[in-house]
Amino acid sequence: MVPIHSQSLLDKLQQWLGTNIYLHIEINPGGYFRNGKATLSNVHVKGDQSFRVFLEMDQQQSIIHVDDLTHMSISEELVVISGYDHVDRLARTLEISSKPFVL
């Protein structure tokens, strides 16, 4: 994981516009959602040191918004974006994939 570079993150996510993506969202403590499938129609990355990511899906019929994100990992088929709390514990993760996640 590296600190978020907003333009690199935005460029990668924009490659998937108009295609099906799979989502994994985890908030600690609290819960998670895995293997949500949708068509990505727009994406926004906002912030400076702590970022907000907005994913608009299915022709603006639904939206995912995750804030306080600080780090990312980008590969060909997977983007992982995470945020850490005030004592450096993993607090939230948003994973976007071009393929379904293993259950």
PDB file of N, CA and C in Angstrom:
ATOM      1  N   MET A   1       0.842  -1.180   0.000  1.00  0.00           N
ATOM      2  CA  MET A   1       0.000   0.000   0.000  1.00  0.00           C
ATOM      3  C   MET A   1       0.886   1.241   0.000  1.00  0.00           C
ATOM      4  N   VAL A   2       0.455   2.207  -0.770  1.00  0.00           N
ATOM      5  CA  VAL A   2       1.157   3.488  -0.847  1.00  0.00           C
ATOM      6  C   VAL A   2       0.137   4.598  -0.585  1.00  0.00           C
ATOM      7  N   PRO A   3       0.607   5.771  -0.178  1.00  0.00           N
ATOM      8  CA  PRO A   3      -0.339   6.891  -0.013  1.00  0.00           C
ATOM      9  C   PRO A   3      -1.093   7.144  -1.322  1.00  0.00           C
ATOM     10  N   ILE A   4      -2.334   7.561  -1.187  1.00  0.00           N
ATOM     11  CA  ILE A   4      -3.168   7.792  -2.363  1.00  0.00           C
ATOM     12  C   ILE A   4      -2.599   8.923  -3.210  1.00  0.00           C
ATOM     13  N   HIS A   5      -2.475   8.635  -4.488  1.00  0.00           N
ATOM     14  CA  HIS A   5      -2.195   9.646  -5.512  1.00  0.00           C
ATOM     15  C   HIS A   5      -3.496   9.744  -6.308  1.00  0.00           C
ATOM     16  N   SER A   6      -4.244  10.826  -6.087  1.00  0.00           N
ATOM     17  CA  SER A   6      -5.612  10.908  -6.592  1.00  0.00           C
ATOM     18  C   SER A   6      -5.710  10.747  -8.101  1.00  0.00           C
ATOM     19  N   GLN A   7      -4.791  11.314  -8.866  1.00  0.00           N
ATOM     20  CA  GLN A   7      -4.900  11.213 -10.321  1.00  0.00           C
ATOM     21  C   GLN A   7      -4.652   9.782 -10.798  1.00  0.00           C
ATOM     22  N   SER A   8      -3.695   9.078 -10.208  1.00  0.00           N
ATOM     23  CA  SER A   8      -3.449   7.674 -10.574  1.00  0.00           C
ATOM     24  C   SER A   8      -4.658   6.816 -10.249  1.00  0.00           C
ATOM     25  N   LEU A   9      -5.253   7.047  -9.088  1.00  0.00           N
ATOM     26  CA  LEU A   9      -6.438   6.295  -8.685  1.00  0.00           C
ATOM     27  C   LEU A   9      -7.598   6.584  -9.630  1.00  0.00           C
ATOM     28  N   LEU A  10      -7.826   7.847  -9.903  1.00  0.00           N
ATOM     29  CA  LEU A  10      -8.902   8.242 -10.809  1.00  0.00           C
ATOM     30  C   LEU A  10      -8.689   7.661 -12.209  1.00  0.00           C
ATOM     31  N   ASP A  11      -7.474   7.734 -12.709  1.00  0.00           N
ATOM     32  CA  ASP A  11      -7.180   7.186 -14.044  1.00  0.00           C
ATOM     33  C   ASP A  11      -7.506   5.697 -14.116  1.00  0.00           C
ATOM     34  N   LYS A  12      -7.120   4.931 -13.092  1.00  0.00           N
ATOM     35  CA  LYS A  12      -7.383   3.497 -13.095  1.00  0.00           C
ATOM     36  C   LYS A  12      -8.878   3.221 -13.040  1.00  0.00           C
ATOM     37  N   LEU A  13      -9.579   3.885 -12.140  1.00  0.00           N
ATOM     38  CA  LEU A  13     -11.013   3.634 -12.013  1.00  0.00           C
ATOM     39  C   LEU A  13     -11.772   4.050 -13.270  1.00  0.00           C
ATOM     40  N   GLN A  14     -11.338   5.105 -13.922  1.00  0.00           N
ATOM     41  CA  GLN A  14     -12.006   5.540 -15.154  1.00  0.00           C
ATOM     42  C   GLN A  14     -11.841   4.530 -16.284  1.00  0.00           C
ATOM     43  N   GLN A  15     -10.826   3.678 -16.220  1.00  0.00           N
ATOM     44  CA  GLN A  15     -10.672   2.619 -17.222  1.00  0.00           C
ATOM     45  C   GLN A  15     -11.838   1.644 -17.184  1.00  0.00           C
ATOM     46  N   TRP A  16     -12.516   1.560 -16.034  1.00  0.00           N
ATOM     47  CA  TRP A  16     -13.617   0.615 -15.871  1.00  0.00           C
ATOM     48  C   TRP A  16     -14.990   1.239 -16.102  1.00  0.00           C
ATOM     49  N   LEU A  17     -15.059   2.512 -16.514  1.00  0.00           N
ATOM     50  CA  LEU A  17     -16.355   3.142 -16.787  1.00  0.00           C
ATOM     51  C   LEU A  17     -17.086   2.351 -17.861  1.00  0.00           C
ATOM     52  N   GLY A  18     -18.375   2.105 -17.613  1.00  0.00           N
ATOM     53  CA  GLY A  18     -19.194   1.360 -18.561  1.00  0.00           C
ATOM     54  C   GLY A  18     -19.055  -0.143 -18.469  1.00  0.00           C
ATOM     55  N   THR A  19     -18.256  -0.634 -17.528  1.00  0.00           N
ATOM     56  CA  THR A  19     -18.070  -2.077 -17.378  1.00  0.00           C
ATOM     57  C   THR A  19     -18.594  -2.538 -16.021  1.00  0.00           C
ATOM     58  N   ASN A  20     -18.808  -3.831 -15.911  1.00  0.00           N
ATOM     59  CA  ASN A  20     -19.203  -4.405 -14.630  1.00  0.00           C
ATOM     60  C   ASN A  20     -18.002  -4.434 -13.697  1.00  0.00           C
ATOM     61  N   ILE A  21     -18.246  -4.040 -12.453  1.00  0.00           N
ATOM     62  CA  ILE A  21     -17.235  -4.129 -11.405  1.00  0.00           C
ATOM     63  C   ILE A  21     -17.832  -4.904 -10.241  1.00  0.00           C
ATOM     64  N   TYR A  22     -16.956  -5.375  -9.374  1.00  0.00           N
ATOM     65  CA  TYR A  22     -17.359  -6.067  -8.153  1.00  0.00           C
ATOM     66  C   TYR A  22     -16.785  -5.286  -6.980  1.00  0.00           C
ATOM     67  N   LEU A  23     -17.569  -5.166  -5.923  1.00  0.00           N
ATOM     68  CA  LEU A  23     -17.192  -4.334  -4.781  1.00  0.00           C
ATOM     69  C   LEU A  23     -17.073  -5.136  -3.504  1.00  0.00           C
ATOM     70  N   HIS A  24     -16.105  -4.760  -2.705  1.00  0.00           N
ATOM     71  CA  HIS A  24     -15.982  -5.237  -1.335  1.00  0.00           C
ATOM     72  C   HIS A  24     -15.767  -3.994  -0.489  1.00  0.00           C
ATOM     73  N   ILE A  25     -16.619  -3.798   0.513  1.00  0.00           N
ATOM     74  CA  ILE A  25     -16.499  -2.664   1.421  1.00  0.00           C
ATOM     75  C   ILE A  25     -16.449  -3.215   2.829  1.00  0.00           C
ATOM     76  N   GLU A  26     -15.476  -2.754   3.596  1.00  0.00           N
ATOM     77  CA  GLU A  26     -15.346  -3.201   4.980  1.00  0.00           C
ATOM     78  C   GLU A  26     -15.104  -1.994   5.871  1.00  0.00           C
ATOM     79  N   ILE A  27     -15.885  -1.906   6.932  1.00  0.00           N
ATOM     80  CA  ILE A  27     -15.740  -0.849   7.931  1.00  0.00           C
ATOM     81  C   ILE A  27     -15.480  -1.540   9.265  1.00  0.00           C
ATOM     82  N   ASN A  28     -14.381  -1.178   9.920  1.00  0.00           N
ATOM     83  CA  ASN A  28     -13.986  -1.824  11.179  1.00  0.00           C
ATOM     84  C   ASN A  28     -14.075  -0.837  12.329  1.00  0.00           C
ATOM     85  N   PRO A  29     -14.671  -1.202  13.450  1.00  0.00           N
ATOM     86  CA  PRO A  29     -15.535  -2.379  13.568  1.00  0.00           C
ATOM     87  C   PRO A  29     -16.875  -2.074  12.927  1.00  0.00           C
ATOM     88  N   GLY A  30     -17.581  -3.066  12.539  1.00  0.00           N
ATOM     89  CA  GLY A  30     -18.897  -2.789  11.986  1.00  0.00           C
ATOM     90  C   GLY A  30     -19.425  -3.804  11.022  1.00  0.00           C
ATOM     91  N   GLY A  31     -18.786  -3.981   9.889  1.00  0.00           N
ATOM     92  CA  GLY A  31     -19.338  -4.925   8.951  1.00  0.00           C
ATOM     93  C   GLY A  31     -18.698  -4.825   7.594  1.00  0.00           C
ATOM     94  N   TYR A  32     -19.230  -5.619   6.677  1.00  0.00           N
ATOM     95  CA  TYR A  32     -18.707  -5.620   5.321  1.00  0.00           C
ATOM     96  C   TYR A  32     -19.789  -6.021   4.341  1.00  0.00           C
ATOM     97  N   PHE A  33     -19.531  -5.735   3.091  1.00  0.00           N
ATOM     98  CA  PHE A  33     -20.382  -6.085   1.966  1.00  0.00           C
ATOM     99  C   PHE A  33     -19.447  -6.638   0.908  1.00  0.00           C
ATOM    100  N   ARG A  34     -19.739  -7.816   0.379  1.00  0.00           N
ATOM    101  CA  ARG A  34     -18.800  -8.458  -0.549  1.00  0.00           C
ATOM    102  C   ARG A  34     -19.519  -8.919  -1.811  1.00  0.00           C
ATOM    103  N   ASN A  35     -18.867  -8.719  -2.939  1.00  0.00           N
ATOM    104  CA  ASN A  35     -19.297  -9.178  -4.256  1.00  0.00           C
ATOM    105  C   ASN A  35     -20.531  -8.459  -4.790  1.00  0.00           C
ATOM    106  N   GLY A  36     -20.691  -7.189  -4.415  1.00  0.00           N
ATOM    107  CA  GLY A  36     -21.713  -6.389  -5.067  1.00  0.00           C
ATOM    108  C   GLY A  36     -21.294  -6.171  -6.510  1.00  0.00           C
ATOM    109  N   LYS A  37     -22.224  -6.362  -7.431  1.00  0.00           N
ATOM    110  CA  LYS A  37     -21.908  -6.224  -8.855  1.00  0.00           C
ATOM    111  C   LYS A  37     -22.721  -5.064  -9.418  1.00  0.00           C
ATOM    112  N   ALA A  38     -22.052  -4.205 -10.176  1.00  0.00           N
ATOM    113  CA  ALA A  38     -22.727  -3.060 -10.781  1.00  0.00           C
ATOM    114  C   ALA A  38     -21.929  -2.596 -11.985  1.00  0.00           C
ATOM    115  N   THR A  39     -22.545  -1.752 -12.792  1.00  0.00           N
ATOM    116  CA  THR A  39     -21.859  -1.125 -13.913  1.00  0.00           C
ATOM    117  C   THR A  39     -21.396   0.251 -13.458  1.00  0.00           C
ATOM    118  N   LEU A  40     -20.107   0.485 -13.511  1.00  0.00           N
ATOM    119  CA  LEU A  40     -19.540   1.760 -13.081  1.00  0.00           C
ATOM    120  C   LEU A  40     -19.844   2.828 -14.129  1.00  0.00           C
ATOM    121  N   SER A  41     -20.519   3.915 -13.707  1.00  0.00           N
ATOM    122  CA  SER A  41     -20.867   4.956 -14.675  1.00  0.00           C
ATOM    123  C   SER A  41     -20.142   6.274 -14.435  1.00  0.00           C
ATOM    124  N   ASN A  42     -19.619   6.496 -13.228  1.00  0.00           N
ATOM    125  CA  ASN A  42     -18.838   7.692 -12.961  1.00  0.00           C
ATOM    126  C   ASN A  42     -18.049   7.479 -11.681  1.00  0.00           C
ATOM    127  N   VAL A  43     -16.968   8.214 -11.517  1.00  0.00           N
ATOM    128  CA  VAL A  43     -16.133   8.085 -10.323  1.00  0.00           C
ATOM    129  C   VAL A  43     -15.572   9.454  -9.977  1.00  0.00           C
ATOM    130  N   HIS A  44     -15.471   9.715  -8.666  1.00  0.00           N
ATOM    131  CA  HIS A  44     -14.893  10.963  -8.167  1.00  0.00           C
ATOM    132  C   HIS A  44     -13.932  10.625  -7.037  1.00  0.00           C
ATOM    133  N   VAL A  45     -12.783  11.278  -7.023  1.00  0.00           N
ATOM    134  CA  VAL A  45     -11.822  11.153  -5.930  1.00  0.00           C
ATOM    135  C   VAL A  45     -11.554  12.573  -5.450  1.00  0.00           C
ATOM    136  N   LYS A  46     -11.900  12.855  -4.192  1.00  0.00           N
ATOM    137  CA  LYS A  46     -11.780  14.211  -3.653  1.00  0.00           C
ATOM    138  C   LYS A  46     -10.963  14.177  -2.369  1.00  0.00           C
ATOM    139  N   GLY A  47     -10.179  15.213  -2.143  1.00  0.00           N
ATOM    140  CA  GLY A  47      -9.446  15.330  -0.898  1.00  0.00           C
ATOM    141  C   GLY A  47      -8.010  15.723  -1.113  1.00  0.00           C
ATOM    142  N   ASP A  48      -7.286  15.771   0.003  1.00  0.00           N
ATOM    143  CA  ASP A  48      -5.888  16.166  -0.022  1.00  0.00           C
ATOM    144  C   ASP A  48      -5.028  15.079   0.610  1.00  0.00           C
ATOM    145  N   GLN A  49      -5.074  14.935   1.935  1.00  0.00           N
ATOM    146  CA  GLN A  49      -4.338  13.856   2.603  1.00  0.00           C
ATOM    147  C   GLN A  49      -5.264  12.717   2.991  1.00  0.00           C
ATOM    148  N   SER A  50      -6.511  13.029   3.218  1.00  0.00           N
ATOM    149  CA  SER A  50      -7.557  12.057   3.479  1.00  0.00           C
ATOM    150  C   SER A  50      -8.575  12.214   2.350  1.00  0.00           C
ATOM    151  N   PHE A  51      -8.918  11.120   1.696  1.00  0.00           N
ATOM    152  CA  PHE A  51      -9.695  11.207   0.466  1.00  0.00           C
ATOM    153  C   PHE A  51     -11.088  10.612   0.626  1.00  0.00           C
ATOM    154  N   ARG A  52     -11.988  11.082  -0.250  1.00  0.00           N
ATOM    155  CA  ARG A  52     -13.337  10.537  -0.394  1.00  0.00           C
ATOM    156  C   ARG A  52     -13.423   9.959  -1.800  1.00  0.00           C
ATOM    157  N   VAL A  53     -13.978   8.766  -1.896  1.00  0.00           N
ATOM    158  CA  VAL A  53     -14.172   8.135  -3.195  1.00  0.00           C
ATOM    159  C   VAL A  53     -15.673   7.917  -3.383  1.00  0.00           C
ATOM    160  N   PHE A  54     -16.174   8.399  -4.518  1.00  0.00           N
ATOM    161  CA  PHE A  54     -17.575   8.232  -4.892  1.00  0.00           C
ATOM    162  C   PHE A  54     -17.615   7.383  -6.152  1.00  0.00           C
ATOM    163  N   LEU A  55     -18.385   6.317  -6.107  1.00  0.00           N
ATOM    164  CA  LEU A  55     -18.597   5.477  -7.282  1.00  0.00           C
ATOM    165  C   LEU A  55     -20.068   5.577  -7.658  1.00  0.00           C
ATOM    166  N   GLU A  56     -20.351   6.071  -8.842  1.00  0.00           N
ATOM    167  CA  GLU A  56     -21.721   6.106  -9.349  1.00  0.00           C
ATOM    168  C   GLU A  56     -21.901   4.889 -10.244  1.00  0.00           C
ATOM    169  N   MET A  57     -23.035   4.202 -10.037  1.00  0.00           N
ATOM    170  CA  MET A  57     -23.219   2.940 -10.744  1.00  0.00           C
ATOM    171  C   MET A  57     -24.596   2.866 -11.376  1.00  0.00           C
ATOM    172  N   ASP A  58     -24.681   2.006 -12.371  1.00  0.00           N
ATOM    173  CA  ASP A  58     -25.946   1.711 -13.033  1.00  0.00           C
ATOM    174  C   ASP A  58     -26.664   2.978 -13.481  1.00  0.00           C
ATOM    175  N   GLN A  59     -25.961   3.785 -14.282  1.00  0.00           N
ATOM    176  CA  GLN A  59     -26.492   5.027 -14.839  1.00  0.00           C
ATOM    177  C   GLN A  59     -27.045   5.948 -13.744  1.00  0.00           C
ATOM    178  N   GLN A  60     -26.245   6.165 -12.710  1.00  0.00           N
ATOM    179  CA  GLN A  60     -26.537   7.060 -11.591  1.00  0.00           C
ATOM    180  C   GLN A  60     -27.750   6.613 -10.761  1.00  0.00           C
ATOM    181  N   GLN A  61     -28.051   5.319 -10.772  1.00  0.00           N
ATOM    182  CA  GLN A  61     -29.137   4.794  -9.949  1.00  0.00           C
ATOM    183  C   GLN A  61     -28.668   4.457  -8.532  1.00  0.00           C
ATOM    184  N   SER A  62     -27.357   4.321  -8.333  1.00  0.00           N
ATOM    185  CA  SER A  62     -26.835   4.031  -6.995  1.00  0.00           C
ATOM    186  C   SER A  62     -25.445   4.647  -6.866  1.00  0.00           C
ATOM    187  N   ILE A  63     -25.056   4.862  -5.607  1.00  0.00           N
ATOM    188  CA  ILE A  63     -23.763   5.483  -5.342  1.00  0.00           C
ATOM    189  C   ILE A  63     -23.148   4.851  -4.100  1.00  0.00           C
ATOM    190  N   ILE A  64     -21.848   4.692  -4.135  1.00  0.00           N
ATOM    191  CA  ILE A  64     -21.066   4.275  -2.967  1.00  0.00           C
ATOM    192  C   ILE A  64     -20.157   5.442  -2.632  1.00  0.00           C
ATOM    193  N   HIS A  65     -20.109   5.803  -1.370  1.00  0.00           N
ATOM    194  CA  HIS A  65     -19.239   6.889  -0.911  1.00  0.00           C
ATOM    195  C   HIS A  65     -18.480   6.371   0.306  1.00  0.00           C
ATOM    196  N   VAL A  66     -17.162   6.427   0.253  1.00  0.00           N
ATOM    197  CA  VAL A  66     -16.334   6.040   1.392  1.00  0.00           C
ATOM    198  C   VAL A  66     -15.353   7.186   1.629  1.00  0.00           C
ATOM    199  N   ASP A  67     -15.253   7.615   2.883  1.00  0.00           N
ATOM    200  CA  ASP A  67     -14.355   8.727   3.196  1.00  0.00           C
ATOM    201  C   ASP A  67     -13.229   8.286   4.117  1.00  0.00           C
ATOM    202  N   ASP A  68     -12.339   9.210   4.432  1.00  0.00           N
ATOM    203  CA  ASP A  68     -11.182   8.977   5.301  1.00  0.00           C
ATOM    204  C   ASP A  68     -10.258   7.885   4.754  1.00  0.00           C
ATOM    205  N   LEU A  69     -10.075   7.864   3.449  1.00  0.00           N
ATOM    206  CA  LEU A  69      -9.175   6.896   2.806  1.00  0.00           C
ATOM    207  C   LEU A  69      -7.800   7.529   2.625  1.00  0.00           C
ATOM    208  N   THR A  70      -6.756   6.754   2.864  1.00  0.00           N
ATOM    209  CA  THR A  70      -5.399   7.312   2.852  1.00  0.00           C
ATOM    210  C   THR A  70      -4.405   6.542   1.987  1.00  0.00           C
ATOM    211  N   HIS A  71      -4.652   5.256   1.729  1.00  0.00           N
ATOM    212  CA  HIS A  71      -3.674   4.420   1.028  1.00  0.00           C
ATOM    213  C   HIS A  71      -4.338   3.618  -0.083  1.00  0.00           C
ATOM    214  N   MET A  72      -3.540   3.221  -1.065  1.00  0.00           N
ATOM    215  CA  MET A  72      -4.081   2.479  -2.201  1.00  0.00           C
ATOM    216  C   MET A  72      -3.080   1.444  -2.695  1.00  0.00           C
ATOM    217  N   SER A  73      -3.636   0.481  -3.400  1.00  0.00           N
ATOM    218  CA  SER A  73      -2.849  -0.507  -4.127  1.00  0.00           C
ATOM    219  C   SER A  73      -3.587  -0.743  -5.437  1.00  0.00           C
ATOM    220  N   ILE A  74      -2.872  -0.629  -6.552  1.00  0.00           N
ATOM    221  CA  ILE A  74      -3.501  -0.764  -7.863  1.00  0.00           C
ATOM    222  C   ILE A  74      -2.798  -1.875  -8.639  1.00  0.00           C
ATOM    223  N   SER A  75      -3.613  -2.801  -9.160  1.00  0.00           N
ATOM    224  CA  SER A  75      -3.099  -3.817 -10.077  1.00  0.00           C
ATOM    225  C   SER A  75      -4.029  -3.856 -11.281  1.00  0.00           C
ATOM    226  N   GLU A  76      -3.763  -4.746 -12.210  1.00  0.00           N
ATOM    227  CA  GLU A  76      -4.556  -4.812 -13.440  1.00  0.00           C
ATOM    228  C   GLU A  76      -6.042  -5.054 -13.170  1.00  0.00           C
ATOM    229  N   GLU A  77      -6.358  -5.977 -12.259  1.00  0.00           N
ATOM    230  CA  GLU A  77      -7.752  -6.370 -12.040  1.00  0.00           C
ATOM    231  C   GLU A  77      -8.324  -5.921 -10.697  1.00  0.00           C
ATOM    232  N   LEU A  78      -7.530  -5.236  -9.869  1.00  0.00           N
ATOM    233  CA  LEU A  78      -7.976  -4.921  -8.515  1.00  0.00           C
ATOM    234  C   LEU A  78      -7.428  -3.579  -8.042  1.00  0.00           C
ATOM    235  N   VAL A  79      -8.317  -2.800  -7.416  1.00  0.00           N
ATOM    236  CA  VAL A  79      -7.924  -1.575  -6.730  1.00  0.00           C
ATOM    237  C   VAL A  79      -8.348  -1.726  -5.272  1.00  0.00           C
ATOM    238  N   VAL A  80      -7.412  -1.520  -4.357  1.00  0.00           N
ATOM    239  CA  VAL A  80      -7.691  -1.566  -2.925  1.00  0.00           C
ATOM    240  C   VAL A  80      -7.385  -0.185  -2.372  1.00  0.00           C
ATOM    241  N   ILE A  81      -8.372   0.398  -1.676  1.00  0.00           N
ATOM    242  CA  ILE A  81      -8.210   1.724  -1.087  1.00  0.00           C
ATOM    243  C   ILE A  81      -8.569   1.588   0.394  1.00  0.00           C
ATOM    244  N   SER A  82      -7.664   2.013   1.276  1.00  0.00           N
ATOM    245  CA  SER A  82      -7.871   1.819   2.708  1.00  0.00           C
ATOM    246  C   SER A  82      -7.645   3.112   3.478  1.00  0.00           C
ATOM    247  N   GLY A  83      -8.218   3.142   4.663  1.00  0.00           N
ATOM    248  CA  GLY A  83      -8.009   4.246   5.589  1.00  0.00           C
ATOM    249  C   GLY A  83      -7.725   3.695   6.967  1.00  0.00           C
ATOM    250  N   TYR A  84      -6.898   4.401   7.705  1.00  0.00           N
ATOM    251  CA  TYR A  84      -6.463   3.954   9.022  1.00  0.00           C
ATOM    252  C   TYR A  84      -6.934   4.942  10.082  1.00  0.00           C
ATOM    253  N   ASP A  85      -7.185   4.443  11.302  1.00  0.00           N
ATOM    254  CA  ASP A  85      -7.628   5.315  12.381  1.00  0.00           C
ATOM    255  C   ASP A  85      -6.446   6.036  13.026  1.00  0.00           C
ATOM    256  N   HIS A  86      -6.717   6.747  14.121  1.00  0.00           N
ATOM    257  CA  HIS A  86      -5.702   7.588  14.768  1.00  0.00           C
ATOM    258  C   HIS A  86      -4.556   6.803  15.404  1.00  0.00           C
ATOM    259  N   VAL A  87      -4.695   5.487  15.549  1.00  0.00           N
ATOM    260  CA  VAL A  87      -3.599   4.656  16.074  1.00  0.00           C
ATOM    261  C   VAL A  87      -3.128   3.645  15.021  1.00  0.00           C
ATOM    262  N   ASP A  88      -3.316   4.000  13.758  1.00  0.00           N
ATOM    263  CA  ASP A  88      -2.853   3.221  12.611  1.00  0.00           C
ATOM    264  C   ASP A  88      -3.446   1.825  12.484  1.00  0.00           C
ATOM    265  N   ARG A  89      -4.685   1.646  12.956  1.00  0.00           N
ATOM    266  CA  ARG A  89      -5.412   0.395  12.727  1.00  0.00           C
ATOM    267  C   ARG A  89      -6.260   0.561  11.472  1.00  0.00           C
ATOM    268  N   LEU A  90      -6.391  -0.512  10.709  1.00  0.00           N
ATOM    269  CA  LEU A  90      -7.229  -0.478   9.519  1.00  0.00           C
ATOM    270  C   LEU A  90      -8.665  -0.158   9.921  1.00  0.00           C
ATOM    271  N   ALA A  91      -9.224   0.914   9.381  1.00  0.00           N
ATOM    272  CA  ALA A  91     -10.566   1.348   9.750  1.00  0.00           C
ATOM    273  C   ALA A  91     -11.585   1.122   8.643  1.00  0.00           C
ATOM    274  N   ARG A  92     -11.142   1.179   7.394  1.00  0.00           N
ATOM    275  CA  ARG A  92     -12.075   1.006   6.272  1.00  0.00           C
ATOM    276  C   ARG A  92     -11.305   0.587   5.030  1.00  0.00           C
ATOM    277  N   THR A  93     -11.970  -0.194   4.219  1.00  0.00           N
ATOM    278  CA  THR A  93     -11.378  -0.657   2.960  1.00  0.00           C
ATOM    279  C   THR A  93     -12.453  -0.689   1.896  1.00  0.00           C
ATOM    280  N   LEU A  94     -12.101  -0.212   0.731  1.00  0.00           N
ATOM    281  CA  LEU A  94     -12.937  -0.308  -0.457  1.00  0.00           C
ATOM    282  C   LEU A  94     -12.115  -1.033  -1.511  1.00  0.00           C
ATOM    283  N   GLU A  95     -12.625  -2.170  -1.973  1.00  0.00           N
ATOM    284  CA  GLU A  95     -11.949  -2.923  -3.025  1.00  0.00           C
ATOM    285  C   GLU A  95     -12.853  -2.941  -4.245  1.00  0.00           C
ATOM    286  N   ILE A  96     -12.276  -2.636  -5.398  1.00  0.00           N
ATOM    287  CA  ILE A  96     -12.997  -2.650  -6.658  1.00  0.00           C
ATOM    288  C   ILE A  96     -12.253  -3.601  -7.581  1.00  0.00           C
ATOM    289  N   SER A  97     -12.992  -4.538  -8.172  1.00  0.00           N
ATOM    290  CA  SER A  97     -12.363  -5.569  -8.992  1.00  0.00           C
ATOM    291  C   SER A  97     -13.110  -5.748 -10.299  1.00  0.00           C
ATOM    292  N   SER A  98     -12.390  -6.155 -11.310  1.00  0.00           N
ATOM    293  CA  SER A  98     -13.022  -6.490 -12.584  1.00  0.00           C
ATOM    294  C   SER A  98     -13.532  -7.932 -12.581  1.00  0.00           C
ATOM    295  N   LYS A  99     -13.219  -8.686 -11.533  1.00  0.00           N
ATOM    296  CA  LYS A  99     -13.644 -10.091 -11.403  1.00  0.00           C
ATOM    297  C   LYS A  99     -14.267 -10.306 -10.031  1.00  0.00           C
ATOM    298  N   PRO A 100     -15.165 -11.288  -9.893  1.00  0.00           N
ATOM    299  CA  PRO A 100     -15.764 -11.570  -8.589  1.00  0.00           C
ATOM    300  C   PRO A 100     -14.705 -11.943  -7.547  1.00  0.00           C
ATOM    301  N   PHE A 101     -14.981 -11.588  -6.299  1.00  0.00           N
ATOM    302  CA  PHE A 101     -14.113 -11.967  -5.189  1.00  0.00           C
ATOM    303  C   PHE A 101     -14.424 -13.388  -4.737  1.00  0.00           C
ATOM    304  N   VAL A 102     -13.435 -14.067  -4.219  1.00  0.00           N
ATOM    305  CA  VAL A 102     -13.638 -15.392  -3.638  1.00  0.00           C
ATOM    306  C   VAL A 102     -14.422 -15.217  -2.335  1.00  0.00           C
ATOM    307  N   LEU A 103     -15.412 -16.063  -2.135  1.00  0.00           N
ATOM    308  CA  LEU A 103     -16.210 -15.964  -0.896  1.00  0.00           C
ATOM    309  C   LEU A 103     -15.624 -16.797   0.196  1.00  0.00           C
TER     310      LEU A 103
END
